[in-house]
Protein backbone atom coordinates (compact mmCIF):
# COMPACT_ATOMS: atom_id res chain seq x y z
CA UNK A 1 -59.02 -48.43 -19.33
CA UNK A 2 -61.06 -48.83 -16.16
CA UNK A 3 -63.92 -51.39 -15.87
CA UNK A 4 -66.48 -48.50 -15.35
CA UNK A 5 -65.41 -46.59 -18.49
CA UNK A 6 -65.45 -49.89 -20.52
CA UNK A 7 -69.04 -50.59 -19.41
CA UNK A 8 -70.11 -47.16 -20.11
CA UNK A 9 -68.79 -47.22 -23.79
CA UNK A 10 -70.27 -50.59 -24.35
CA UNK A 11 -73.63 -49.34 -23.12
CA UNK A 12 -73.29 -46.34 -25.34
CA UNK A 13 -72.69 -48.37 -28.41
CA UNK A 14 -75.59 -50.69 -27.64
CA UNK A 15 -77.92 -47.60 -27.13
CA UNK A 16 -76.88 -45.87 -30.26
CA UNK A 17 -77.27 -49.14 -32.25
CA UNK A 18 -80.56 -50.10 -30.85
CA UNK A 19 -82.30 -46.71 -31.57
CA UNK A 20 -84.29 -46.10 -34.81
CA UNK A 21 -84.04 -42.41 -34.49
CA UNK A 22 -81.31 -39.96 -33.39
CA UNK A 23 -81.05 -39.57 -29.81
CA UNK A 24 -80.17 -36.19 -28.03
CA UNK A 25 -77.37 -35.77 -25.53
CA UNK A 26 -79.84 -35.47 -22.62
CA UNK A 27 -81.79 -38.62 -23.87
CA UNK A 28 -78.25 -40.60 -23.97
CA UNK A 29 -77.53 -39.04 -20.53
CA UNK A 30 -80.63 -40.54 -19.00
CA UNK A 31 -80.51 -43.89 -20.88
CA UNK A 32 -76.73 -44.79 -20.43
CA UNK A 33 -75.51 -45.75 -17.04
CA UNK A 34 -72.41 -44.00 -15.82
CA UNK A 35 -72.95 -40.47 -17.00
CA UNK A 36 -73.07 -37.56 -14.49
CA UNK A 37 -76.74 -36.45 -13.92
CA UNK A 38 -75.82 -33.65 -11.73
CA UNK A 39 -73.29 -31.56 -13.59
CA UNK A 40 -74.07 -30.55 -17.18
CA UNK A 41 -70.44 -29.60 -17.73
CA UNK A 42 -69.02 -32.81 -16.49
CA UNK A 43 -71.62 -34.86 -18.66
CA UNK A 44 -70.56 -32.75 -21.81
CA UNK A 45 -66.76 -33.52 -21.12
CA UNK A 46 -67.27 -37.09 -20.63
CA UNK A 47 -69.68 -37.48 -23.57
CA UNK A 48 -67.31 -35.64 -25.99
CA UNK A 49 -64.46 -37.94 -24.85
CA UNK A 50 -66.50 -41.01 -25.35
CA UNK A 51 -67.66 -40.13 -28.82
CA UNK A 52 -64.03 -39.35 -29.85
CA UNK A 53 -62.72 -42.62 -28.44
CA UNK A 54 -65.34 -44.70 -30.23
CA UNK A 55 -64.68 -42.87 -33.55
CA UNK A 56 -60.78 -43.47 -33.14
CA UNK A 57 -61.44 -47.38 -32.97
CA UNK A 58 -63.70 -47.10 -36.17
CA UNK A 59 -67.22 -47.04 -34.61
CA UNK A 60 -69.23 -44.51 -36.99
CA UNK A 61 -71.47 -42.20 -34.76
CA UNK A 62 -73.63 -40.24 -36.95
CA UNK A 63 -74.78 -36.59 -36.07
CA UNK A 64 -78.20 -35.65 -37.37
CA UNK A 65 -80.69 -32.96 -36.58
CA UNK A 66 -84.41 -33.87 -35.81
CA UNK A 67 -87.43 -31.97 -37.04
CA UNK A 68 -86.90 -29.36 -34.37
CA UNK A 69 -83.36 -28.77 -35.40
CA UNK A 70 -81.86 -30.51 -32.22
CA UNK A 71 -78.73 -32.56 -32.71
CA UNK A 72 -79.06 -36.24 -32.22
CA UNK A 73 -76.83 -39.24 -32.38
CA UNK A 74 -76.98 -42.81 -33.58
CA UNK A 75 -75.02 -45.55 -35.24
CA UNK A 76 -76.19 -46.98 -38.53
CA UNK A 77 -76.10 -50.76 -38.23
CA UNK A 78 -75.02 -51.11 -41.94
CA UNK A 79 -71.94 -48.84 -41.33
CA UNK A 80 -71.19 -50.61 -37.95
CA UNK A 81 -71.34 -54.27 -39.03
CA UNK A 82 -68.60 -55.87 -41.04
CA UNK A 83 -69.34 -57.23 -44.47
CA UNK A 84 -69.27 -61.11 -44.85
CA UNK A 85 -65.61 -62.34 -44.77
CA UNK A 86 -64.69 -65.27 -46.98
CA UNK A 87 -61.00 -66.42 -47.28
CA UNK A 88 -59.53 -68.82 -49.80
CA UNK A 89 -57.61 -71.76 -48.26
CA UNK A 90 -54.26 -70.13 -49.12
CA UNK A 91 -55.29 -66.97 -47.56
CA UNK A 92 -56.40 -68.67 -44.30
CA UNK A 93 -53.16 -70.45 -44.14
CA UNK A 94 -51.13 -67.30 -44.37
CA UNK A 95 -53.19 -65.71 -41.44
CA UNK A 96 -52.69 -68.95 -39.42
CA UNK A 97 -48.87 -68.83 -40.26
CA UNK A 98 -48.59 -65.11 -39.27
CA UNK A 99 -50.24 -65.70 -35.89
CA UNK A 100 -47.61 -68.42 -35.25
CA UNK A 101 -44.78 -66.10 -36.18
CA UNK A 102 -45.81 -63.55 -33.72
CA UNK A 103 -46.88 -66.10 -31.08
CA UNK A 104 -44.01 -65.32 -28.78
CA UNK A 105 -43.33 -61.68 -29.80
CA UNK A 106 -44.78 -58.09 -28.89
CA UNK A 107 -47.68 -58.69 -31.35
CA UNK A 108 -48.82 -61.93 -29.84
CA UNK A 109 -51.91 -60.43 -28.35
CA UNK A 110 -52.95 -58.58 -31.57
CA UNK A 111 -52.40 -61.80 -33.62
CA UNK A 112 -54.45 -64.12 -31.37
CA UNK A 113 -57.16 -61.35 -30.99
CA UNK A 114 -57.42 -61.12 -34.78
CA UNK A 115 -57.79 -64.79 -35.25
CA UNK A 116 -60.47 -64.80 -32.43
CA UNK A 117 -62.44 -62.16 -34.24
CA UNK A 118 -62.40 -63.88 -37.50
CA UNK A 119 -63.56 -67.11 -35.87
CA UNK A 120 -66.38 -65.31 -34.20
CA UNK A 121 -67.39 -64.12 -37.67
CA UNK A 122 -67.53 -67.70 -38.93
CA UNK A 123 -64.08 -67.61 -40.83
CA UNK A 124 -61.98 -70.48 -40.38
CA UNK A 125 -58.21 -69.86 -40.24
CA UNK A 126 -55.78 -72.63 -41.06
CA UNK A 127 -53.08 -72.66 -38.35
CA UNK A 128 -51.96 -76.30 -38.94
CA UNK A 129 -51.00 -76.24 -42.58
CA UNK A 130 -47.58 -74.74 -41.95
CA UNK A 131 -46.16 -78.16 -41.87
CA UNK A 132 -43.62 -79.45 -39.44
CA UNK A 133 -41.68 -76.14 -39.22
CA UNK A 134 -42.43 -73.71 -36.57
CA UNK A 135 -41.59 -70.11 -37.20
CA UNK A 136 -40.99 -67.34 -34.53
CA UNK A 137 -40.17 -63.78 -34.66
CA UNK A 138 -38.73 -62.19 -31.45
CA UNK A 139 -38.62 -58.51 -30.77
CA UNK A 140 -36.36 -58.07 -27.65
CA UNK A 141 -36.04 -54.38 -28.23
CA UNK A 142 -38.19 -52.52 -25.58
CA UNK A 143 -39.04 -49.78 -28.18
CA UNK A 144 -40.61 -51.95 -30.46
CA UNK A 145 -44.23 -52.04 -29.17
CA UNK A 146 -44.43 -48.28 -28.99
CA UNK A 147 -42.90 -47.71 -32.42
CA UNK A 148 -45.19 -50.34 -33.96
CA UNK A 149 -48.30 -48.62 -32.50
CA UNK A 150 -46.95 -45.32 -33.70
CA UNK A 151 -46.53 -46.60 -37.41
CA UNK A 152 -50.25 -47.94 -37.08
CA UNK A 153 -51.62 -44.72 -35.71
CA UNK A 154 -49.47 -42.54 -37.96
CA UNK A 155 -48.30 -40.56 -34.91
CA UNK A 156 -44.99 -38.67 -34.37
CA UNK A 157 -42.53 -40.06 -31.74
CA UNK A 158 -39.58 -38.65 -29.75
CA UNK A 159 -36.95 -40.73 -28.29
CA UNK A 160 -33.21 -40.58 -27.18
CA UNK A 161 -30.86 -42.17 -29.61
CA UNK A 162 -27.29 -43.28 -29.22
CA UNK A 163 -25.43 -42.42 -32.42
CA UNK A 164 -23.33 -45.16 -34.05
CA UNK A 165 -19.53 -45.11 -33.38
CA UNK A 166 -19.69 -42.11 -30.97
CA UNK A 167 -21.82 -43.13 -28.07
CA UNK A 168 -23.44 -39.61 -27.96
CA UNK A 169 -26.99 -39.73 -26.96
CA UNK A 170 -29.35 -37.29 -28.88
CA UNK A 171 -33.12 -36.67 -28.82
CA UNK A 172 -34.80 -37.34 -32.10
CA UNK A 173 -38.33 -36.44 -33.19
CA UNK A 174 -39.47 -38.77 -36.04
CA UNK A 175 -42.46 -39.19 -38.24
CA UNK A 176 -42.44 -42.95 -38.44
CA UNK A 177 -42.92 -44.81 -41.88
CA UNK A 178 -42.34 -48.35 -40.93
CA UNK A 179 -40.46 -50.86 -38.70
CA UNK A 180 -38.26 -53.34 -40.52
CA UNK A 181 -36.19 -56.46 -39.58
CA UNK A 182 -32.98 -57.30 -41.41
CA UNK A 183 -30.43 -60.03 -40.26
CA UNK A 184 -32.05 -60.24 -36.76
CA UNK A 185 -32.01 -56.47 -36.14
CA UNK A 186 -34.94 -54.16 -36.09
CA UNK A 187 -34.97 -50.66 -37.72
CA UNK A 188 -37.21 -47.67 -37.73
CA UNK A 189 -37.56 -45.82 -40.88
CA UNK A 190 -39.02 -42.32 -40.91
CA UNK A 191 -38.63 -38.65 -41.50
CA UNK A 192 -36.32 -37.03 -38.82
CA UNK A 193 -37.75 -33.70 -38.10
CA UNK A 194 -34.50 -32.43 -36.39
CA UNK A 195 -32.51 -33.17 -39.65
CA UNK A 196 -35.42 -32.61 -41.96
CA UNK A 197 -34.59 -35.63 -43.85
CA UNK A 198 -35.37 -39.34 -44.17
CA UNK A 199 -33.37 -41.52 -41.57
CA UNK A 200 -33.05 -45.09 -40.50
CA UNK A 201 -32.72 -45.88 -36.77
CA UNK A 202 -31.63 -49.15 -35.23
CA UNK A 203 -33.92 -50.07 -32.39
CA UNK A 204 -31.26 -51.28 -30.12
CA UNK A 205 -29.74 -47.84 -30.09
CA UNK A 206 -32.84 -46.24 -28.71
CA UNK A 207 -32.48 -45.56 -24.90
CA UNK A 208 -35.38 -44.84 -22.46
CA UNK A 209 -38.96 -44.54 -23.41
CA UNK A 210 -40.44 -43.67 -26.82
CA UNK A 211 -42.79 -40.86 -26.30
CA UNK A 212 -45.76 -40.04 -28.67
CA UNK A 213 -45.96 -36.40 -29.78
CA UNK A 214 -49.08 -34.78 -31.00
CA UNK A 215 -52.33 -36.66 -32.24
CA UNK A 216 -52.63 -39.72 -34.28
CA UNK A 217 -53.12 -39.34 -38.08
CA UNK A 218 -50.49 -36.64 -38.53
CA UNK A 219 -47.82 -38.73 -40.42
CA UNK A 220 -48.15 -39.34 -44.22
CA UNK A 221 -45.99 -41.91 -45.71
CA UNK A 222 -44.56 -40.87 -49.17
CA UNK A 223 -45.84 -43.02 -51.87
CA UNK A 224 -42.56 -43.52 -53.56
CA UNK A 225 -40.58 -44.40 -50.40
CA UNK A 226 -39.07 -47.95 -50.24
CA UNK A 227 -38.30 -48.53 -46.61
CA UNK A 228 -36.56 -51.88 -47.05
CA UNK A 229 -34.28 -50.49 -49.57
CA UNK A 230 -33.44 -47.63 -47.04
CA UNK A 231 -32.66 -50.29 -44.39
CA UNK A 232 -30.44 -52.32 -46.84
CA UNK A 233 -28.40 -49.21 -47.73
CA UNK A 234 -28.00 -48.31 -44.15
CA UNK A 235 -27.04 -51.72 -43.13
CA UNK A 236 -24.37 -51.99 -45.76
CA UNK A 237 -23.08 -48.46 -45.10
CA UNK A 238 -22.59 -49.18 -41.49
CA UNK A 239 -21.04 -52.64 -41.99
CA UNK A 240 -17.46 -51.51 -41.98
CA UNK A 241 -15.02 -53.72 -40.40
CA UNK A 242 -13.04 -52.42 -37.32
CA UNK A 243 -10.70 -53.88 -34.90
CA UNK A 244 -11.26 -54.13 -31.24
CA UNK A 245 -8.39 -54.65 -28.54
CA UNK A 246 -9.53 -56.85 -25.64
CA UNK A 247 -7.67 -58.39 -22.67
CA UNK A 248 -8.62 -61.92 -21.55
CA UNK A 249 -7.48 -64.12 -18.73
CA UNK A 250 -5.13 -67.00 -19.69
CA UNK A 251 -7.04 -70.32 -20.64
CA UNK A 252 -10.36 -68.51 -20.90
CA UNK A 253 -12.69 -67.17 -23.67
CA UNK A 254 -11.72 -69.90 -26.29
CA UNK A 255 -14.51 -68.70 -28.63
CA UNK A 256 -13.25 -65.10 -28.60
CA UNK A 257 -9.60 -66.43 -29.04
CA UNK A 258 -10.59 -68.42 -32.02
CA UNK A 259 -12.26 -65.29 -33.69
CA UNK A 260 -9.13 -63.13 -32.93
CA UNK A 261 -7.21 -61.85 -35.92
CA UNK A 262 -4.07 -61.72 -33.61
CA UNK A 263 -3.11 -62.77 -30.01
CA UNK A 264 0.05 -61.71 -27.92
CA UNK A 265 0.95 -61.39 -24.30
CA UNK A 266 -0.68 -58.35 -22.54
CA UNK A 267 0.14 -56.52 -19.27
CA UNK A 268 -0.49 -58.09 -15.88
CA UNK A 269 -0.51 -61.63 -17.09
CA UNK A 270 -3.53 -61.09 -19.31
CA UNK A 271 -3.56 -61.94 -23.10
CA UNK A 272 -4.37 -59.24 -25.64
CA UNK A 273 -6.60 -60.12 -28.62
CA UNK A 274 -7.37 -58.05 -31.76
CA UNK A 275 -10.92 -58.90 -32.73
CA UNK A 276 -12.53 -57.55 -35.97
CA UNK A 277 -16.23 -56.47 -35.77
CA UNK A 278 -18.79 -54.23 -37.47
CA UNK A 279 -21.54 -54.10 -34.89
CA UNK A 280 -20.53 -52.98 -31.44
CA UNK A 281 -23.74 -53.90 -29.93
CA UNK A 282 -23.58 -57.58 -31.04
CA UNK A 283 -19.92 -58.04 -30.09
CA UNK A 284 -20.64 -56.08 -26.78
CA UNK A 285 -23.40 -58.59 -25.82
CA UNK A 286 -21.02 -61.59 -26.48
CA UNK A 287 -18.21 -59.91 -24.40
CA UNK A 288 -20.76 -59.10 -21.60
CA UNK A 289 -21.66 -62.76 -21.32
CA UNK A 290 -18.04 -63.79 -20.66
CA UNK A 291 -18.15 -61.93 -17.35
CA UNK A 292 -14.96 -60.96 -15.61
CA UNK A 293 -12.64 -62.92 -17.81
CA UNK A 294 -12.51 -60.21 -20.45
CA UNK A 295 -12.20 -56.48 -20.52
CA UNK A 296 -12.38 -54.07 -23.59
CA UNK A 297 -9.37 -51.77 -24.01
CA UNK A 298 -10.57 -50.17 -27.30
CA UNK A 299 -12.78 -48.65 -29.00
CA UNK A 300 -14.80 -46.73 -26.51
CA UNK A 301 -18.16 -47.35 -28.21
CA UNK A 302 -17.58 -51.10 -27.72
CA UNK A 303 -16.78 -50.69 -24.05
CA UNK A 304 -19.96 -48.70 -23.66
CA UNK A 305 -21.98 -51.42 -25.27
CA UNK A 306 -20.59 -53.84 -22.76
CA UNK A 307 -21.29 -51.57 -19.93
CA UNK A 308 -24.84 -51.02 -21.03
CA UNK A 309 -25.51 -54.72 -21.08
CA UNK A 310 -24.09 -55.34 -17.71
CA UNK A 311 -26.15 -52.56 -16.21
CA UNK A 312 -29.04 -53.92 -18.03
CA UNK A 313 -28.44 -57.37 -16.57
CA UNK A 314 -28.04 -55.85 -13.09
CA UNK A 315 -31.29 -53.88 -13.33
């Protein structure tokens, strides 16, 4: 948001809070700096956008008619101001701990901003009572911020998704219900419009940008849905053990050799390892870190996972 627009919105809020009677659109146009005083059409478009944006962030603009029947606008201070906030010591400790958890992750700005607002309201948040342990939650998946915002705004999203085991990339349109972490992996749970059924998506398999579809508020989360149970079921279903065939240079990749179920001489002086795995992305990340000393022969989705990692590092 530009500085000029921010100032105009702030001035509009102050103007509507300060008045004791509803102000007409023309009175607002003259009183608030930044509105077009030459074009009626341009002013109406700008004023309508500003009202909608303020309402979307929770500022209640009332519309009333004066004694002549003309529409007027104002903000009731009682509806605008927050009630007195008081927290028990254990509640304050939980807030402080939550802010520490997200300190280095995608929600760091939101967490610190929430604590700042609480302190401004006179609420003390206990960030030092977590003890000697320091908790951190990291969200390396690029899709996380957009999906978290979509869940918060109850907004439909569309993204390209690489199917497990096949490597095929398909476009999915999803009504997001929640984002869940399990065993270090992040999942999106929601209603897949393309399949017309609830589905679970691993964030690491989302490729490219997550695109919002439609307006906020169009997603309704079913009351009886248990998104954690859905993620648990999906995680167990996909945790099937498979065997990968990789070639490594002699005398290298000792960690991979130790994990291998079988080792035998391979072609061109390389050693051939058989490595069991269940998650191609995780094993692919490890193999990619070993550089030119290892190459994947089979399966294709593991080889694709290594290629994606290397291309990402190059980019």
